[in-house]
Amino acid sequence: KGVPIEVYTPLGDASSPVPPWLDNYEQAVTL
């Protein structure tokens, strides 16, 4: 494949609480 794609893993449905570390993790990937 010539074009990369973003890959994700689900942590649960929207009714479950968001992990408190998730924002820091996303910021770390951006850095």
PDB file of all heavy atoms in Angstrom:
ATOM      1  N   LYS A   1       0.847  -1.193   0.000  1.00  0.00           N
ATOM      2  CA  LYS A   1       0.000   0.000   0.000  1.00  0.00           C
ATOM      3  C   LYS A   1       0.881   1.242   0.000  1.00  0.00           C
ATOM      4  O   LYS A   1       1.902   1.298   0.714  1.00  0.00           O
ATOM      5  CB  LYS A   1      -0.911   0.028   1.224  1.00  0.00           C
ATOM      6  CG  LYS A   1      -1.870  -1.152   1.311  1.00  0.00           C
ATOM      7  CD  LYS A   1      -2.999  -0.992   0.326  1.00  0.00           C
ATOM      8  CE  LYS A   1      -4.027  -2.090   0.509  1.00  0.00           C
ATOM      9  NZ  LYS A   1      -5.153  -1.946  -0.429  1.00  0.00           N
ATOM     10  N   GLY A   2       0.469   2.231  -0.772  1.00  0.00           N
ATOM     11  CA  GLY A   2       1.262   3.448  -0.833  1.00  0.00           C
ATOM     12  C   GLY A   2       0.874   4.470   0.210  1.00  0.00           C
ATOM     13  O   GLY A   2       1.695   5.284   0.620  1.00  0.00           O
ATOM     14  N   VAL A   3      -0.369   4.434   0.662  1.00  0.00           N
ATOM     15  CA  VAL A   3      -0.873   5.460   1.588  1.00  0.00           C
ATOM     16  C   VAL A   3      -1.086   4.829   2.961  1.00  0.00           C
ATOM     17  O   VAL A   3      -1.772   3.807   3.081  1.00  0.00           O
ATOM     18  CB  VAL A   3      -2.192   6.061   1.067  1.00  0.00           C
ATOM     19  CG1 VAL A   3      -2.714   7.117   2.042  1.00  0.00           C
ATOM     20  CG2 VAL A   3      -1.998   6.656  -0.323  1.00  0.00           C
ATOM     21  N   PRO A   4      -0.503   5.405   4.025  1.00  0.00           N
ATOM     22  CA  PRO A   4      -0.703   4.853   5.374  1.00  0.00           C
ATOM     23  C   PRO A   4      -2.115   5.191   5.872  1.00  0.00           C
ATOM     24  O   PRO A   4      -2.754   6.137   5.407  1.00  0.00           O
ATOM     25  CB  PRO A   4       0.365   5.543   6.206  1.00  0.00           C
ATOM     26  CG  PRO A   4       0.586   6.850   5.515  1.00  0.00           C
ATOM     27  CD  PRO A   4       0.412   6.578   4.040  1.00  0.00           C
ATOM     28  N   ILE A   5      -2.592   4.425   6.833  1.00  0.00           N
ATOM     29  CA  ILE A   5      -3.889   4.699   7.467  1.00  0.00           C
ATOM     30  C   ILE A   5      -3.697   4.778   8.975  1.00  0.00           C
ATOM     31  O   ILE A   5      -2.789   4.159   9.531  1.00  0.00           O
ATOM     32  CB  ILE A   5      -4.935   3.621   7.130  1.00  0.00           C
ATOM     33  CG1 ILE A   5      -4.534   2.260   7.728  1.00  0.00           C
ATOM     34  CG2 ILE A   5      -5.144   3.512   5.630  1.00  0.00           C
ATOM     35  CD1 ILE A   5      -5.627   1.221   7.653  1.00  0.00           C
ATOM     36  N   GLU A   6      -4.550   5.553   9.614  1.00  0.00           N
ATOM     37  CA  GLU A   6      -4.535   5.609  11.073  1.00  0.00           C
ATOM     38  C   GLU A   6      -5.211   4.350  11.620  1.00  0.00           C
ATOM     39  O   GLU A   6      -6.250   3.921  11.117  1.00  0.00           O
ATOM     40  CB  GLU A   6      -5.278   6.837  11.581  1.00  0.00           C
ATOM     41  CG  GLU A   6      -4.545   8.145  11.391  1.00  0.00           C
ATOM     42  CD  GLU A   6      -3.393   8.324  12.370  1.00  0.00           C
ATOM     43  OE1 GLU A   6      -3.213   7.457  13.257  1.00  0.00           O
ATOM     44  OE2 GLU A   6      -2.675   9.336  12.247  1.00  0.00           O
ATOM     45  N   VAL A   7      -4.631   3.812  12.650  1.00  0.00           N
ATOM     46  CA  VAL A   7      -5.143   2.599  13.268  1.00  0.00           C
ATOM     47  C   VAL A   7      -5.465   2.900  14.731  1.00  0.00           C
ATOM     48  O   VAL A   7      -4.678   3.570  15.417  1.00  0.00           O
ATOM     49  CB  VAL A   7      -4.130   1.447  13.153  1.00  0.00           C
ATOM     50  CG1 VAL A   7      -4.652   0.204  13.862  1.00  0.00           C
ATOM     51  CG2 VAL A   7      -3.846   1.138  11.695  1.00  0.00           C
ATOM     52  N   TYR A   8      -6.618   2.400  15.200  1.00  0.00           N
ATOM     53  CA  TYR A   8      -7.085   2.670  16.558  1.00  0.00           C
ATOM     54  C   TYR A   8      -7.452   1.356  17.244  1.00  0.00           C
ATOM     55  O   TYR A   8      -7.710   0.339  16.592  1.00  0.00           O
ATOM     56  CB  TYR A   8      -8.316   3.579  16.534  1.00  0.00           C
ATOM     57  CG  TYR A   8      -8.092   4.923  15.904  1.00  0.00           C
ATOM     58  CD1 TYR A   8      -8.149   5.078  14.515  1.00  0.00           C
ATOM     59  CD2 TYR A   8      -7.832   6.041  16.680  1.00  0.00           C
ATOM     60  CE1 TYR A   8      -7.953   6.313  13.925  1.00  0.00           C
ATOM     61  CE2 TYR A   8      -7.636   7.290  16.095  1.00  0.00           C
ATOM     62  CZ  TYR A   8      -7.693   7.419  14.721  1.00  0.00           C
ATOM     63  OH  TYR A   8      -7.497   8.650  14.153  1.00  0.00           O
ATOM     64  N   THR A   9      -7.521   1.431  18.568  1.00  0.00           N
ATOM     65  CA  THR A   9      -8.062   0.317  19.345  1.00  0.00           C
ATOM     66  C   THR A   9      -9.168   0.850  20.248  1.00  0.00           C
ATOM     67  O   THR A   9      -9.000   1.899  20.892  1.00  0.00           O
ATOM     68  CB  THR A   9      -6.973  -0.389  20.175  1.00  0.00           C
ATOM     69  OG1 THR A   9      -7.547  -1.536  20.823  1.00  0.00           O
ATOM     70  CG2 THR A   9      -6.376   0.513  21.237  1.00  0.00           C
ATOM     71  N   PRO A  10     -10.329   0.201  20.262  1.00  0.00           N
ATOM     72  CA  PRO A  10     -11.432   0.697  21.113  1.00  0.00           C
ATOM     73  C   PRO A  10     -11.186   0.362  22.582  1.00  0.00           C
ATOM     74  O   PRO A  10     -10.712  -0.719  22.921  1.00  0.00           O
ATOM     75  CB  PRO A  10     -12.654  -0.048  20.563  1.00  0.00           C
ATOM     76  CG  PRO A  10     -12.115  -1.301  19.972  1.00  0.00           C
ATOM     77  CD  PRO A  10     -10.746  -0.974  19.454  1.00  0.00           C
ATOM     78  N   LEU A  11     -11.550   1.312  23.455  1.00  0.00           N
ATOM     79  CA  LEU A  11     -11.405   1.120  24.902  1.00  0.00           C
ATOM     80  C   LEU A  11     -12.742   0.809  25.575  1.00  0.00           C
ATOM     81  O   LEU A  11     -12.767   0.430  26.744  1.00  0.00           O
ATOM     82  CB  LEU A  11     -10.797   2.377  25.533  1.00  0.00           C
ATOM     83  CG  LEU A  11      -9.434   2.808  24.982  1.00  0.00           C
ATOM     84  CD1 LEU A  11      -8.998   4.110  25.639  1.00  0.00           C
ATOM     85  CD2 LEU A  11      -8.395   1.730  25.205  1.00  0.00           C
ATOM     86  N   GLY A  12     -13.844   0.951  24.859  1.00  0.00           N
ATOM     87  CA  GLY A  12     -15.170   0.701  25.420  1.00  0.00           C
ATOM     88  C   GLY A  12     -16.183   1.619  24.761  1.00  0.00           C
ATOM     89  O   GLY A  12     -15.819   2.514  23.977  1.00  0.00           O
ATOM     90  N   ASP A  13     -17.461   1.404  25.051  1.00  0.00           N
ATOM     91  CA  ASP A  13     -18.471   2.264  24.435  1.00  0.00           C
ATOM     92  C   ASP A  13     -18.555   3.594  25.180  1.00  0.00           C
ATOM     93  O   ASP A  13     -17.922   3.787  26.224  1.00  0.00           O
ATOM     94  CB  ASP A  13     -19.836   1.573  24.375  1.00  0.00           C
ATOM     95  CG  ASP A  13     -20.363   1.189  25.748  1.00  0.00           C
ATOM     96  OD1 ASP A  13     -20.102   1.922  26.716  1.00  0.00           O
ATOM     97  OD2 ASP A  13     -21.044   0.156  25.840  1.00  0.00           O
ATOM     98  N   ALA A  14     -19.336   4.499  24.617  1.00  0.00           N
ATOM     99  CA  ALA A  14     -19.372   5.875  25.135  1.00  0.00           C
ATOM    100  C   ALA A  14     -19.939   5.963  26.541  1.00  0.00           C
ATOM    101  O   ALA A  14     -19.733   6.963  27.232  1.00  0.00           O
ATOM    102  CB  ALA A  14     -20.191   6.759  24.193  1.00  0.00           C
ATOM    103  N   SER A  15     -20.651   4.929  26.992  1.00  0.00           N
ATOM    104  CA  SER A  15     -21.209   4.965  28.343  1.00  0.00           C
ATOM    105  C   SER A  15     -20.162   4.697  29.421  1.00  0.00           C
ATOM    106  O   SER A  15     -20.383   4.983  30.590  1.00  0.00           O
ATOM    107  CB  SER A  15     -22.335   3.933  28.467  1.00  0.00           C
ATOM    108  OG  SER A  15     -21.833   2.624  28.293  1.00  0.00           O
ATOM    109  N   SER A  16     -19.033   4.127  29.037  1.00  0.00           N
ATOM    110  CA  SER A  16     -17.973   3.838  30.009  1.00  0.00           C
ATOM    111  C   SER A  16     -17.128   5.094  30.242  1.00  0.00           C
ATOM    112  O   SER A  16     -17.047   5.967  29.371  1.00  0.00           O
ATOM    113  CB  SER A  16     -17.090   2.690  29.507  1.00  0.00           C
ATOM    114  OG  SER A  16     -16.484   3.039  28.274  1.00  0.00           O
ATOM    115  N   PRO A  17     -16.498   5.210  31.407  1.00  0.00           N
ATOM    116  CA  PRO A  17     -15.691   6.409  31.672  1.00  0.00           C
ATOM    117  C   PRO A  17     -14.440   6.468  30.798  1.00  0.00           C
ATOM    118  O   PRO A  17     -13.862   5.436  30.440  1.00  0.00           O
ATOM    119  CB  PRO A  17     -15.321   6.264  33.163  1.00  0.00           C
ATOM    120  CG  PRO A  17     -15.441   4.809  33.435  1.00  0.00           C
ATOM    121  CD  PRO A  17     -16.518   4.285  32.554  1.00  0.00           C
ATOM    122  N   VAL A  18     -14.026   7.685  30.450  1.00  0.00           N
ATOM    123  CA  VAL A  18     -12.807   7.880  29.651  1.00  0.00           C
ATOM    124  C   VAL A  18     -11.589   7.719  30.573  1.00  0.00           C
ATOM    125  O   VAL A  18     -11.543   8.317  31.656  1.00  0.00           O
ATOM    126  CB  VAL A  18     -12.800   9.277  29.011  1.00  0.00           C
ATOM    127  CG1 VAL A  18     -11.529   9.482  28.188  1.00  0.00           C
ATOM    128  CG2 VAL A  18     -14.040   9.471  28.151  1.00  0.00           C
ATOM    129  N   PRO A  19     -10.596   6.900  30.191  1.00  0.00           N
ATOM    130  CA  PRO A  19      -9.391   6.764  31.028  1.00  0.00           C
ATOM    131  C   PRO A  19      -8.726   8.117  31.247  1.00  0.00           C
ATOM    132  O   PRO A  19      -8.579   8.907  30.293  1.00  0.00           O
ATOM    133  CB  PRO A  19      -8.497   5.822  30.213  1.00  0.00           C
ATOM    134  CG  PRO A  19      -9.434   5.062  29.335  1.00  0.00           C
ATOM    135  CD  PRO A  19     -10.530   6.024  29.002  1.00  0.00           C
ATOM    136  N   PRO A  20      -8.328   8.439  32.459  1.00  0.00           N
ATOM    137  CA  PRO A  20      -7.768   9.769  32.731  1.00  0.00           C
ATOM    138  C   PRO A  20      -6.449  10.040  32.018  1.00  0.00           C
ATOM    139  O   PRO A  20      -6.067  11.185  31.831  1.00  0.00           O
ATOM    140  CB  PRO A  20      -7.587   9.763  34.261  1.00  0.00           C
ATOM    141  CG  PRO A  20      -7.544   8.314  34.642  1.00  0.00           C
ATOM    142  CD  PRO A  20      -8.433   7.608  33.680  1.00  0.00           C
ATOM    143  N   TRP A  21      -5.762   8.974  31.604  1.00  0.00           N
ATOM    144  CA  TRP A  21      -4.461   9.147  30.943  1.00  0.00           C
ATOM    145  C   TRP A  21      -4.570   9.301  29.433  1.00  0.00           C
ATOM    146  O   TRP A  21      -3.567   9.528  28.743  1.00  0.00           O
ATOM    147  CB  TRP A  21      -3.558   7.942  31.224  1.00  0.00           C
ATOM    148  CG  TRP A  21      -4.245   6.613  31.047  1.00  0.00           C
ATOM    149  CD1 TRP A  21      -4.813   5.851  31.999  1.00  0.00           C
ATOM    150  CD2 TRP A  21      -4.462   5.928  29.791  1.00  0.00           C
ATOM    151  NE1 TRP A  21      -5.371   4.717  31.465  1.00  0.00           N
ATOM    152  CE2 TRP A  21      -5.165   4.729  30.090  1.00  0.00           C
ATOM    153  CE3 TRP A  21      -4.138   6.192  28.466  1.00  0.00           C
ATOM    154  CZ2 TRP A  21      -5.532   3.810  29.115  1.00  0.00           C
ATOM    155  CZ3 TRP A  21      -4.503   5.287  27.485  1.00  0.00           C
ATOM    156  CH2 TRP A  21      -5.190   4.105  27.806  1.00  0.00           C
ATOM    157  N   LEU A  22      -5.785   9.195  28.869  1.00  0.00           N
ATOM    158  CA  LEU A  22      -5.918   9.126  27.419  1.00  0.00           C
ATOM    159  C   LEU A  22      -5.489  10.425  26.747  1.00  0.00           C
ATOM    160  O   LEU A  22      -4.805  10.394  25.706  1.00  0.00           O
ATOM    161  CB  LEU A  22      -7.372   8.798  27.050  1.00  0.00           C
ATOM    162  CG  LEU A  22      -7.640   8.580  25.554  1.00  0.00           C
ATOM    163  CD1 LEU A  22      -6.771   7.458  25.005  1.00  0.00           C
ATOM    164  CD2 LEU A  22      -9.118   8.269  25.317  1.00  0.00           C
ATOM    165  N   ASP A  23      -5.840  11.591  27.320  1.00  0.00           N
ATOM    166  CA  ASP A  23      -5.448  12.866  26.697  1.00  0.00           C
ATOM    167  C   ASP A  23      -3.932  13.006  26.650  1.00  0.00           C
ATOM    168  O   ASP A  23      -3.368  13.463  25.639  1.00  0.00           O
ATOM    169  CB  ASP A  23      -6.063  14.032  27.475  1.00  0.00           C
ATOM    170  CG  ASP A  23      -7.561  14.143  27.233  1.00  0.00           C
ATOM    171  OD1 ASP A  23      -8.038  13.575  26.234  1.00  0.00           O
ATOM    172  OD2 ASP A  23      -8.249  14.778  28.049  1.00  0.00           O
ATOM    173  N   ASN A  24      -3.251  12.626  27.725  1.00  0.00           N
ATOM    174  CA  ASN A  24      -1.781  12.708  27.737  1.00  0.00           C
ATOM    175  C   ASN A  24      -1.176  11.765  26.710  1.00  0.00           C
ATOM    176  O   ASN A  24      -0.174  12.092  26.059  1.00  0.00           O
ATOM    177  CB  ASN A  24      -1.240  12.367  29.128  1.00  0.00           C
ATOM    178  CG  ASN A  24      -1.545  13.458  30.138  1.00  0.00           C
ATOM    179  OD1 ASN A  24      -1.794  14.605  29.767  1.00  0.00           O
ATOM    180  ND2 ASN A  24      -1.542  13.116  31.413  1.00  0.00           N
ATOM    181  N   TYR A  25      -1.805  10.599  26.552  1.00  0.00           N
ATOM    182  CA  TYR A  25      -1.295   9.649  25.565  1.00  0.00           C
ATOM    183  C   TYR A  25      -1.426  10.229  24.158  1.00  0.00           C
ATOM    184  O   TYR A  25      -0.485  10.158  23.353  1.00  0.00           O
ATOM    185  CB  TYR A  25      -2.062   8.331  25.668  1.00  0.00           C
ATOM    186  CG  TYR A  25      -1.749   7.371  24.552  1.00  0.00           C
ATOM    187  CD1 TYR A  25      -0.615   6.557  24.602  1.00  0.00           C
ATOM    188  CD2 TYR A  25      -2.574   7.279  23.428  1.00  0.00           C
ATOM    189  CE1 TYR A  25      -0.324   5.691  23.557  1.00  0.00           C
ATOM    190  CE2 TYR A  25      -2.289   6.416  22.391  1.00  0.00           C
ATOM    191  CZ  TYR A  25      -1.157   5.621  22.454  1.00  0.00           C
ATOM    192  OH  TYR A  25      -0.861   4.758  21.422  1.00  0.00           O
ATOM    193  N   GLU A  26      -2.592  10.813  23.845  1.00  0.00           N
ATOM    194  CA  GLU A  26      -2.791  11.381  22.517  1.00  0.00           C
ATOM    195  C   GLU A  26      -1.815  12.530  22.274  1.00  0.00           C
ATOM    196  O   GLU A  26      -1.287  12.691  21.168  1.00  0.00           O
ATOM    197  CB  GLU A  26      -4.238  11.865  22.368  1.00  0.00           C
ATOM    198  CG  GLU A  26      -5.281  10.751  22.408  1.00  0.00           C
ATOM    199  CD  GLU A  26      -5.162   9.823  21.227  1.00  0.00           C
ATOM    200  OE1 GLU A  26      -4.725  10.278  20.145  1.00  0.00           O
ATOM    201  OE2 GLU A  26      -5.493   8.624  21.362  1.00  0.00           O
ATOM    202  N   GLN A  27      -1.546  13.322  23.302  1.00  0.00           N
ATOM    203  CA  GLN A  27      -0.587  14.422  23.165  1.00  0.00           C
ATOM    204  C   GLN A  27       0.815  13.879  22.928  1.00  0.00           C
ATOM    205  O   GLN A  27       1.595  14.431  22.137  1.00  0.00           O
ATOM    206  CB  GLN A  27      -0.616  15.300  24.421  1.00  0.00           C
ATOM    207  CG  GLN A  27       0.239  16.553  24.311  1.00  0.00           C
ATOM    208  CD  GLN A  27       0.137  17.423  25.564  1.00  0.00           C
ATOM    209  OE1 GLN A  27      -0.674  17.152  26.439  1.00  0.00           O
ATOM    210  NE2 GLN A  27       0.956  18.441  25.635  1.00  0.00           N
ATOM    211  N   ALA A  28       1.149  12.765  23.596  1.00  0.00           N
ATOM    212  CA  ALA A  28       2.466  12.161  23.409  1.00  0.00           C
ATOM    213  C   ALA A  28       2.636  11.664  21.982  1.00  0.00           C
ATOM    214  O   ALA A  28       3.718  11.817  21.380  1.00  0.00           O
ATOM    215  CB  ALA A  28       2.648  11.008  24.396  1.00  0.00           C
ATOM    216  N   VAL A  29       1.572  11.058  21.397  1.00  0.00           N
ATOM    217  CA  VAL A  29       1.652  10.601  20.001  1.00  0.00           C
ATOM    218  C   VAL A  29       1.860  11.795  19.074  1.00  0.00           C
ATOM    219  O   VAL A  29       2.648  11.735  18.112  1.00  0.00           O
ATOM    220  CB  VAL A  29       0.379   9.816  19.620  1.00  0.00           C
ATOM    221  CG1 VAL A  29       0.381   9.475  18.136  1.00  0.00           C
ATOM    222  CG2 VAL A  29       0.266   8.544  20.436  1.00  0.00           C
ATOM    223  N   THR A  30       1.174  12.895  19.347  1.00  0.00           N
ATOM    224  CA  THR A  30       1.351  14.097  18.523  1.00  0.00           C
ATOM    225  C   THR A  30       2.786  14.608  18.613  1.00  0.00           C
ATOM    226  O   THR A  30       3.403  14.976  17.592  1.00  0.00           O
ATOM    227  CB  THR A  30       0.359  15.179  18.974  1.00  0.00           C
ATOM    228  OG1 THR A  30      -0.980  14.676  18.844  1.00  0.00           O
ATOM    229  CG2 THR A  30       0.499  16.433  18.132  1.00  0.00           C
ATOM    230  N   LEU A  31       3.370  14.662  19.814  1.00  0.00           N
ATOM    231  CA  LEU A  31       4.766  15.094  19.972  1.00  0.00           C
ATOM    232  C   LEU A  31       5.716  14.169  19.222  1.00  0.00           C
ATOM    233  O   LEU A  31       6.692  14.619  18.600  1.00  0.00           O
ATOM    234  CB  LEU A  31       5.132  15.124  21.460  1.00  0.00           C
ATOM    235  CG  LEU A  31       4.432  16.190  22.312  1.00  0.00           C
ATOM    236  CD1 LEU A  31       4.751  15.981  23.778  1.00  0.00           C
ATOM    237  CD2 LEU A  31       4.867  17.588  21.870  1.00  0.00           C
TER     238      LEU A  31
END
